[in-house]
């Protein structure tokens, strides 16, 4: 048993961290490996790889992810802002590089040097936007609000050019939520909503694969000649086949013909083998993480920590909801991973960074330190 009297950095971290939040995240990481053993072997066999190729690689990525999460959670709010700025600049540079030199996969240039840099843009963007909104609310004499507005188009423009509309939509939704938290007038709510609808309309008009996905979702039968509905249909059938209790670990059959059973549609494999009850419990675990983080954000007296915690919680929650909704055929396919469950090194490490940031800004801090940050003009600078 570790005593509170022990003042080492490790015990300080343990007693100031949200241990319930940390435990829930650790549970998700372990479940990711367990569920990966169910969904990834068929894909590995189709690619003529060893049966547990993707499971072994996920375990390999998990080690640096844990180190990233732990290291990020040790940081102070000021260190969090500085690291987020460095990550954002580096990731955006790689996004631009991928547009010029990246490998084209399924008509998009999202990868370079084996990394998907847009994954790392997300948590860094949220922290920087939170800082700008917090500064704008605290000090009206700074251009922070203008920075908060300009950072969105500067971030999503190269993502649209890749194209990566899923990440663009995710970042925009979180930014809009932070803007609303900052005291956005209803006039601007309508304006931003109108721009979002216009953006979807333009994507539908000029981007064939976006139009195909929307048609497939709205009229699955009529869209058969426009785009393939096999994957979403198979995912839906997986839940029906699994029923309440599932077929049992390793007993699923539809996963053998589901192309992305280890990534975007891992939730469908869980439904077939473990059943609807386990799916509900997994969704409840995601909900617990989001609600716990929002609770911590509400309790924070530091404006930056409050905005950052809420933004990171919404980033995690919205991404989870998009993946679950796509698997359940409640929205068009977006190519979004299920946090800590789907296979992917960039996704896993970037999520660990974001959750490390979340644990850092929700740590218990002495009230005097919080008040000092709020009172000193330069204290909230990166």
Protein backbone atom coordinates (compact mmCIF):
# COMPACT_ATOMS: atom_id res chain seq x y z
CA UNK A 1 0.00 0.00 0.00
CA UNK A 2 1.45 3.37 -1.05
CA UNK A 3 1.27 6.02 1.65
CA UNK A 4 0.22 9.62 1.00
CA UNK A 5 3.22 10.65 3.11
CA UNK A 6 5.55 9.38 0.39
CA UNK A 7 6.20 12.48 -1.75
CA UNK A 8 7.89 10.85 -4.76
CA UNK A 9 6.68 11.89 -8.21
CA UNK A 10 5.09 8.47 -8.70
CA UNK A 11 2.97 8.66 -5.53
CA UNK A 12 2.05 12.27 -6.29
CA UNK A 13 0.87 11.08 -9.69
CA UNK A 14 -1.07 8.17 -8.22
CA UNK A 15 -2.90 10.28 -5.63
CA UNK A 16 -3.70 13.16 -7.99
CA UNK A 17 -4.76 11.15 -11.05
CA UNK A 18 -8.35 10.08 -11.68
CA UNK A 19 -7.82 6.39 -10.91
CA UNK A 20 -11.31 5.39 -12.08
CA UNK A 21 -10.62 6.98 -15.45
CA UNK A 22 -7.19 5.37 -15.64
CA UNK A 23 -8.64 1.96 -14.75
CA UNK A 24 -11.33 2.23 -17.43
CA UNK A 25 -8.73 3.12 -20.07
CA UNK A 26 -6.51 0.21 -18.97
CA UNK A 27 -9.51 -2.12 -19.26
CA UNK A 28 -10.15 -0.93 -22.81
CA UNK A 29 -6.53 -1.58 -23.78
CA UNK A 30 -6.69 -5.15 -22.49
CA UNK A 31 -10.04 -5.73 -24.19
CA UNK A 32 -8.51 -4.47 -27.43
CA UNK A 33 -6.07 -7.39 -27.41
CA UNK A 34 -8.77 -9.90 -26.43
CA UNK A 35 -11.19 -8.77 -29.14
CA UNK A 36 -8.32 -8.48 -31.62
CA UNK A 37 -7.76 -12.24 -31.25
CA UNK A 38 -11.32 -12.69 -32.46
CA UNK A 39 -11.43 -10.34 -35.43
CA UNK A 40 -7.92 -10.20 -36.88
CA UNK A 41 -6.95 -13.86 -37.66
CA UNK A 42 -9.26 -14.19 -40.71
CA UNK A 43 -7.78 -11.02 -42.23
CA UNK A 44 -4.23 -12.24 -41.54
CA UNK A 45 -4.98 -15.57 -43.20
CA UNK A 46 -6.46 -13.87 -46.27
CA UNK A 47 -3.24 -11.86 -46.57
CA UNK A 48 -1.13 -15.01 -46.10
CA UNK A 49 0.29 -13.79 -42.79
CA UNK A 50 0.68 -15.64 -39.52
CA UNK A 51 -2.62 -16.17 -37.71
CA UNK A 52 -1.95 -13.68 -34.92
CA UNK A 53 0.06 -11.20 -36.99
CA UNK A 54 -2.20 -8.23 -36.20
CA UNK A 55 -2.60 -9.23 -32.54
CA UNK A 56 1.18 -9.37 -32.11
CA UNK A 57 1.62 -6.02 -33.80
CA UNK A 58 -1.13 -4.49 -31.64
CA UNK A 59 0.65 -5.79 -28.54
CA UNK A 60 3.88 -4.32 -29.88
CA UNK A 61 2.22 -0.91 -30.39
CA UNK A 62 0.62 -1.15 -26.94
CA UNK A 63 3.97 -0.88 -25.15
CA UNK A 64 4.87 2.60 -26.52
CA UNK A 65 1.21 3.63 -26.18
CA UNK A 66 1.30 2.91 -22.44
CA UNK A 67 4.54 4.88 -22.11
CA UNK A 68 3.04 7.80 -24.04
CA UNK A 69 -0.11 7.78 -21.90
CA UNK A 70 1.89 7.62 -18.66
CA UNK A 71 4.38 10.29 -19.74
CA UNK A 72 1.66 12.67 -20.94
CA UNK A 73 -0.34 12.21 -17.73
CA UNK A 74 2.65 13.40 -15.67
CA UNK A 75 2.67 16.83 -17.32
CA UNK A 76 1.43 20.10 -15.89
CA UNK A 77 -1.18 22.10 -17.85
CA UNK A 78 1.56 24.39 -19.20
CA UNK A 79 3.65 21.41 -20.33
CA UNK A 80 0.56 19.90 -21.92
CA UNK A 81 0.06 23.03 -24.03
CA UNK A 82 3.70 23.09 -25.09
CA UNK A 83 3.79 19.42 -26.06
CA UNK A 84 0.48 19.78 -27.91
CA UNK A 85 1.91 22.69 -29.91
CA UNK A 86 4.99 20.66 -30.87
CA UNK A 87 2.90 17.63 -31.84
CA UNK A 88 0.49 19.79 -33.83
CA UNK A 89 3.24 21.49 -35.86
CA UNK A 90 5.04 18.19 -36.53
CA UNK A 91 1.83 16.32 -37.44
CA UNK A 92 0.59 19.09 -39.76
CA UNK A 93 3.98 19.13 -41.49
CA UNK A 94 3.60 15.39 -42.10
CA UNK A 95 0.03 15.89 -43.34
CA UNK A 96 1.30 18.34 -45.97
CA UNK A 97 4.16 15.98 -46.81
CA UNK A 98 1.71 13.11 -47.28
CA UNK A 99 -0.19 15.18 -49.85
CA UNK A 100 2.98 15.41 -51.93
CA UNK A 101 4.84 12.19 -51.22
CA UNK A 102 2.46 9.94 -49.31
CA UNK A 103 1.30 6.52 -50.39
CA UNK A 104 -2.11 6.51 -52.06
CA UNK A 105 -4.49 3.99 -50.49
CA UNK A 106 -8.09 3.70 -51.74
CA UNK A 107 -7.83 7.05 -53.50
CA UNK A 108 -6.51 9.00 -50.48
CA UNK A 109 -3.03 10.11 -49.40
CA UNK A 110 -3.15 9.79 -45.60
CA UNK A 111 0.01 7.82 -44.86
CA UNK A 112 3.70 8.70 -44.87
CA UNK A 113 6.62 6.80 -43.33
CA UNK A 114 4.11 4.20 -42.12
CA UNK A 115 2.30 6.81 -39.99
CA UNK A 116 -1.12 8.43 -40.36
CA UNK A 117 -0.31 11.97 -39.13
CA UNK A 118 -3.94 13.13 -39.03
CA UNK A 119 -4.45 10.84 -36.02
CA UNK A 120 -1.93 12.90 -34.03
CA UNK A 121 -3.39 16.18 -35.22
CA UNK A 122 -6.66 15.48 -33.36
CA UNK A 123 -5.58 15.51 -29.67
CA UNK A 124 -3.08 18.32 -30.26
CA UNK A 125 -5.71 20.40 -32.06
CA UNK A 126 -8.20 19.99 -29.21
CA UNK A 127 -5.68 21.11 -26.58
CA UNK A 128 -4.63 24.17 -28.61
CA UNK A 129 -8.24 25.11 -29.40
CA UNK A 130 -9.11 24.72 -25.71
CA UNK A 131 -6.23 27.01 -24.76
CA UNK A 132 -7.35 29.64 -27.29
CA UNK A 133 -10.99 29.54 -26.17
CA UNK A 134 -9.99 29.67 -22.50
CA UNK A 135 -7.68 32.64 -23.06
CA UNK A 136 -10.32 34.41 -25.13
CA UNK A 137 -12.88 34.00 -22.35
CA UNK A 138 -10.42 35.13 -19.66
CA UNK A 139 -8.70 38.02 -21.44
CA UNK A 140 -10.63 40.08 -23.98
CA UNK A 141 -7.52 42.10 -24.88
CA UNK A 142 -5.83 39.18 -26.66
CA UNK A 143 -6.42 37.81 -30.19
CA UNK A 144 -7.12 34.37 -28.71
CA UNK A 145 -10.68 34.21 -30.07
CA UNK A 146 -9.43 34.99 -33.56
CA UNK A 147 -6.80 32.26 -33.21
CA UNK A 148 -9.50 29.84 -32.03
CA UNK A 149 -11.52 30.59 -35.16
CA UNK A 150 -8.62 30.47 -37.64
CA UNK A 151 -7.15 27.22 -36.30
CA UNK A 152 -10.10 25.23 -37.63
CA UNK A 153 -9.81 26.03 -41.37
CA UNK A 154 -6.02 25.87 -41.11
CA UNK A 155 -6.33 22.32 -39.77
CA UNK A 156 -9.13 20.83 -41.86
CA UNK A 157 -8.12 22.23 -45.26
CA UNK A 158 -5.22 19.78 -45.80
CA UNK A 159 -7.38 16.97 -44.38
CA UNK A 160 -10.04 17.68 -47.02
CA UNK A 161 -7.36 17.62 -49.70
CA UNK A 162 -6.16 14.13 -48.67
CA UNK A 163 -9.24 13.53 -48.63
CA UNK A 164 -10.17 12.50 -45.08
CA UNK A 165 -13.74 13.62 -44.44
CA UNK A 166 -14.17 11.45 -41.36
CA UNK A 167 -11.38 13.18 -39.41
CA UNK A 168 -12.52 16.54 -40.78
CA UNK A 169 -16.04 15.99 -39.46
CA UNK A 170 -14.76 14.77 -36.09
CA UNK A 171 -12.45 17.75 -35.56
CA UNK A 172 -15.14 20.19 -36.68
CA UNK A 173 -17.75 18.76 -34.30
CA UNK A 174 -15.41 18.98 -31.30
CA UNK A 175 -14.36 22.51 -32.25
CA UNK A 176 -18.02 23.57 -32.55
CA UNK A 177 -18.74 22.10 -29.10
CA UNK A 178 -15.84 24.05 -27.60
CA UNK A 179 -17.02 27.20 -29.37
CA UNK A 180 -20.45 26.69 -27.84
CA UNK A 181 -18.89 26.18 -24.38
CA UNK A 182 -17.06 29.47 -24.80
CA UNK A 183 -20.38 31.34 -24.96
CA UNK A 184 -21.20 31.18 -28.65
CA UNK A 185 -24.28 33.18 -29.60
CA UNK A 186 -27.15 31.24 -31.19
CA UNK A 187 -26.62 33.27 -34.36
CA UNK A 188 -23.19 31.66 -34.74
CA UNK A 189 -24.63 28.24 -33.90
CA UNK A 190 -26.95 28.56 -36.89
CA UNK A 191 -24.13 29.88 -39.06
CA UNK A 192 -21.74 27.05 -38.20
CA UNK A 193 -24.52 24.50 -38.65
CA UNK A 194 -25.27 25.99 -42.07
CA UNK A 195 -21.61 25.76 -43.09
CA UNK A 196 -21.54 22.14 -41.97
CA UNK A 197 -24.59 21.28 -44.06
CA UNK A 198 -23.11 23.15 -47.01
CA UNK A 199 -19.86 21.22 -46.63
CA UNK A 200 -21.70 17.89 -46.69
CA UNK A 201 -23.62 19.04 -49.76
CA UNK A 202 -20.45 20.01 -51.61
CA UNK A 203 -18.81 16.71 -50.70
CA UNK A 204 -21.87 14.85 -51.97
CA UNK A 205 -21.80 16.84 -55.21
CA UNK A 206 -18.12 16.66 -56.07
CA UNK A 207 -16.64 13.61 -54.25
CA UNK A 208 -17.85 10.32 -55.76
CA UNK A 209 -17.02 8.03 -52.81
CA UNK A 210 -18.82 10.35 -50.37
CA UNK A 211 -21.87 10.38 -52.63
CA UNK A 212 -21.71 6.60 -52.87
CA UNK A 213 -21.61 6.14 -49.10
CA UNK A 214 -24.56 8.46 -48.56
CA UNK A 215 -26.60 6.74 -51.26
CA UNK A 216 -25.75 3.35 -49.82
CA UNK A 217 -26.97 4.49 -46.42
CA UNK A 218 -30.18 6.16 -47.61
CA UNK A 219 -31.19 3.64 -50.27
CA UNK A 220 -29.22 0.39 -49.88
CA UNK A 221 -31.18 -1.48 -52.57
CA UNK A 222 -31.21 1.33 -55.12
CA UNK A 223 -27.52 2.10 -54.60
CA UNK A 224 -26.31 -1.41 -55.41
CA UNK A 225 -24.99 -0.21 -58.75
CA UNK A 226 -23.30 2.83 -57.24
CA UNK A 227 -21.29 1.37 -54.42
CA UNK A 228 -20.79 -1.93 -52.67
CA UNK A 229 -22.98 -2.57 -49.64
CA UNK A 230 -21.41 -5.90 -48.76
CA UNK A 231 -19.43 -4.78 -45.72
CA UNK A 232 -22.19 -2.89 -43.89
CA UNK A 233 -24.71 -5.63 -44.71
CA UNK A 234 -22.36 -8.28 -43.32
CA UNK A 235 -21.75 -6.20 -40.18
CA UNK A 236 -25.49 -5.92 -39.58
CA UNK A 237 -25.94 -9.66 -40.12
CA UNK A 238 -23.18 -10.31 -37.55
CA UNK A 239 -25.24 -8.79 -34.76
CA UNK A 240 -28.30 -10.76 -35.84
CA UNK A 241 -26.31 -14.00 -35.93
CA UNK A 242 -24.73 -13.38 -32.51
CA UNK A 243 -27.97 -12.68 -30.67
CA UNK A 244 -27.87 -11.77 -27.00
CA UNK A 245 -25.09 -14.13 -25.89
CA UNK A 246 -23.06 -14.63 -29.07
CA UNK A 247 -21.73 -17.77 -30.72
CA UNK A 248 -18.71 -17.94 -28.44
CA UNK A 249 -15.06 -16.83 -28.81
CA UNK A 250 -13.60 -18.05 -32.09
CA UNK A 251 -16.92 -19.42 -33.32
CA UNK A 252 -17.88 -16.52 -35.57
CA UNK A 253 -18.25 -17.23 -39.28
CA UNK A 254 -19.23 -13.93 -40.86
CA UNK A 255 -15.94 -12.37 -39.76
CA UNK A 256 -14.23 -14.61 -42.32
CA UNK A 257 -15.80 -12.64 -45.16
CA UNK A 258 -15.77 -9.19 -43.51
CA UNK A 259 -12.82 -7.31 -45.07
CA UNK A 260 -12.19 -4.84 -42.22
CA UNK A 261 -13.08 -7.10 -39.30
CA UNK A 262 -9.90 -6.08 -37.46
CA UNK A 263 -10.29 -2.30 -37.89
CA UNK A 264 -13.46 -0.36 -38.72
CA UNK A 265 -15.84 -3.30 -38.17
CA UNK A 266 -14.32 -4.95 -35.10
CA UNK A 267 -17.50 -4.13 -33.16
CA UNK A 268 -19.50 -6.34 -35.55
CA UNK A 269 -17.18 -9.27 -34.78
CA UNK A 270 -17.71 -8.65 -31.05
CA UNK A 271 -21.45 -8.75 -31.67
CA UNK A 272 -21.31 -12.09 -33.46
CA UNK A 273 -18.97 -13.89 -31.05
CA UNK A 274 -19.74 -12.27 -27.68
CA UNK A 275 -23.32 -11.12 -28.18
CA UNK A 276 -25.39 -7.99 -27.74
CA UNK A 277 -24.98 -7.99 -23.94
CA UNK A 278 -21.19 -7.67 -24.21
CA UNK A 279 -21.64 -4.97 -26.86
CA UNK A 280 -23.87 -3.02 -24.47
CA UNK A 281 -21.32 -3.39 -21.67
CA UNK A 282 -18.54 -2.20 -23.97
CA UNK A 283 -20.61 0.81 -25.02
CA UNK A 284 -21.27 1.50 -21.33
CA UNK A 285 -17.51 1.49 -20.69
CA UNK A 286 -17.02 4.12 -23.39
CA UNK A 287 -19.88 6.15 -21.90
CA UNK A 288 -18.35 5.89 -18.42
CA UNK A 289 -15.03 7.29 -19.67
CA UNK A 290 -16.72 10.21 -21.40
CA UNK A 291 -19.06 11.05 -18.49
CA UNK A 292 -16.28 10.70 -15.92
CA UNK A 293 -14.06 13.05 -17.93
CA UNK A 294 -16.88 15.58 -18.33
CA UNK A 295 -17.51 15.39 -14.59
CA UNK A 296 -13.84 16.14 -13.94
CA UNK A 297 -14.00 19.01 -16.42
CA UNK A 298 -17.01 20.50 -14.66
CA UNK A 299 -15.22 20.39 -11.31
CA UNK A 300 -12.08 22.11 -12.61
CA UNK A 301 -11.56 25.75 -11.66
CA UNK A 302 -8.92 26.30 -14.35
CA UNK A 303 -10.61 27.46 -17.60
CA UNK A 304 -7.99 25.81 -19.80
CA UNK A 305 -8.23 22.47 -17.97
CA UNK A 306 -12.01 22.65 -18.14
CA UNK A 307 -12.06 23.28 -21.90
CA UNK A 308 -9.28 20.75 -22.65
CA UNK A 309 -10.85 17.97 -20.58
CA UNK A 310 -14.27 18.53 -22.14
CA UNK A 311 -12.81 18.69 -25.65
CA UNK A 312 -10.72 15.54 -25.27
CA UNK A 313 -13.68 13.69 -23.75
CA UNK A 314 -15.88 14.73 -26.67
CA UNK A 315 -13.18 13.73 -29.17
CA UNK A 316 -13.04 10.27 -27.63
CA UNK A 317 -16.81 9.98 -27.31
CA UNK A 318 -17.75 11.23 -30.77
CA UNK A 319 -15.19 8.96 -32.44
CA UNK A 320 -16.57 6.00 -30.49
CA UNK A 321 -20.15 6.88 -31.39
CA UNK A 322 -19.32 7.23 -35.09
CA UNK A 323 -17.71 3.80 -35.21
CA UNK A 324 -20.58 2.15 -33.30
CA UNK A 325 -23.17 3.89 -35.47
CA UNK A 326 -21.46 2.77 -38.69
CA UNK A 327 -21.31 -0.84 -37.45
CA UNK A 328 -25.01 -0.71 -36.59
CA UNK A 329 -25.82 0.91 -39.94
CA UNK A 330 -27.11 4.07 -38.27
CA UNK A 331 -24.93 6.39 -40.39
CA UNK A 332 -22.81 6.17 -43.57
CA UNK A 333 -19.40 4.52 -43.30
CA UNK A 334 -16.65 6.90 -42.18
CA UNK A 335 -13.50 4.79 -41.82
CA UNK A 336 -13.25 5.61 -38.10
CA UNK A 337 -11.56 3.24 -35.65
CA UNK A 338 -13.09 2.16 -32.34
CA UNK A 339 -10.76 3.64 -29.66
CA UNK A 340 -8.29 1.09 -28.22
CA UNK A 341 -10.27 -1.79 -29.78
CA UNK A 342 -9.61 -1.51 -33.52
CA UNK A 343 -6.21 -2.44 -34.89
CA UNK A 344 -3.85 0.40 -35.83
CA UNK A 345 -0.56 1.71 -34.49
CA UNK A 346 -1.12 5.40 -35.30
CA UNK A 347 -4.62 5.27 -33.88
CA UNK A 348 -3.53 3.49 -30.69
CA UNK A 349 -0.60 5.79 -29.89
CA UNK A 350 -2.49 8.98 -30.75
CA UNK A 351 -5.40 7.89 -28.55
CA UNK A 352 -2.94 7.18 -25.74
CA UNK A 353 -1.52 10.69 -26.19
CA UNK A 354 -5.00 12.22 -26.07
CA UNK A 355 -6.01 10.27 -22.99
CA UNK A 356 -2.66 11.13 -21.38
CA UNK A 357 -3.46 14.80 -21.99
CA UNK A 358 -6.89 14.17 -20.46
CA UNK A 359 -5.45 12.58 -17.33
CA UNK A 360 -2.96 15.46 -17.04
CA UNK A 361 -5.54 18.25 -17.18
CA UNK A 362 -7.92 16.45 -14.80
CA UNK A 363 -5.31 15.81 -12.11
CA UNK A 364 -6.02 17.32 -8.70
CA UNK A 365 -4.04 20.53 -8.28
CA UNK A 366 -3.63 22.75 -5.19
CA UNK A 367 -6.22 25.52 -5.21
CA UNK A 368 -3.48 28.13 -4.80
CA UNK A 369 -1.84 26.95 -8.02
CA UNK A 370 -5.13 27.10 -9.93
CA UNK A 371 -5.86 30.62 -8.68
CA UNK A 372 -2.32 31.69 -9.55
CA UNK A 373 -2.76 30.53 -13.15
CA UNK A 374 -6.04 32.42 -13.39
CA UNK A 375 -4.64 35.62 -11.92
CA UNK A 376 -1.22 35.92 -13.58
CA UNK A 377 -1.55 37.23 -17.18
CA UNK A 378 1.30 35.14 -18.55
CA UNK A 379 0.59 31.95 -16.64
CA UNK A 380 -1.63 30.42 -19.29
CA UNK A 381 0.81 30.85 -22.13
CA UNK A 382 2.09 27.70 -23.83
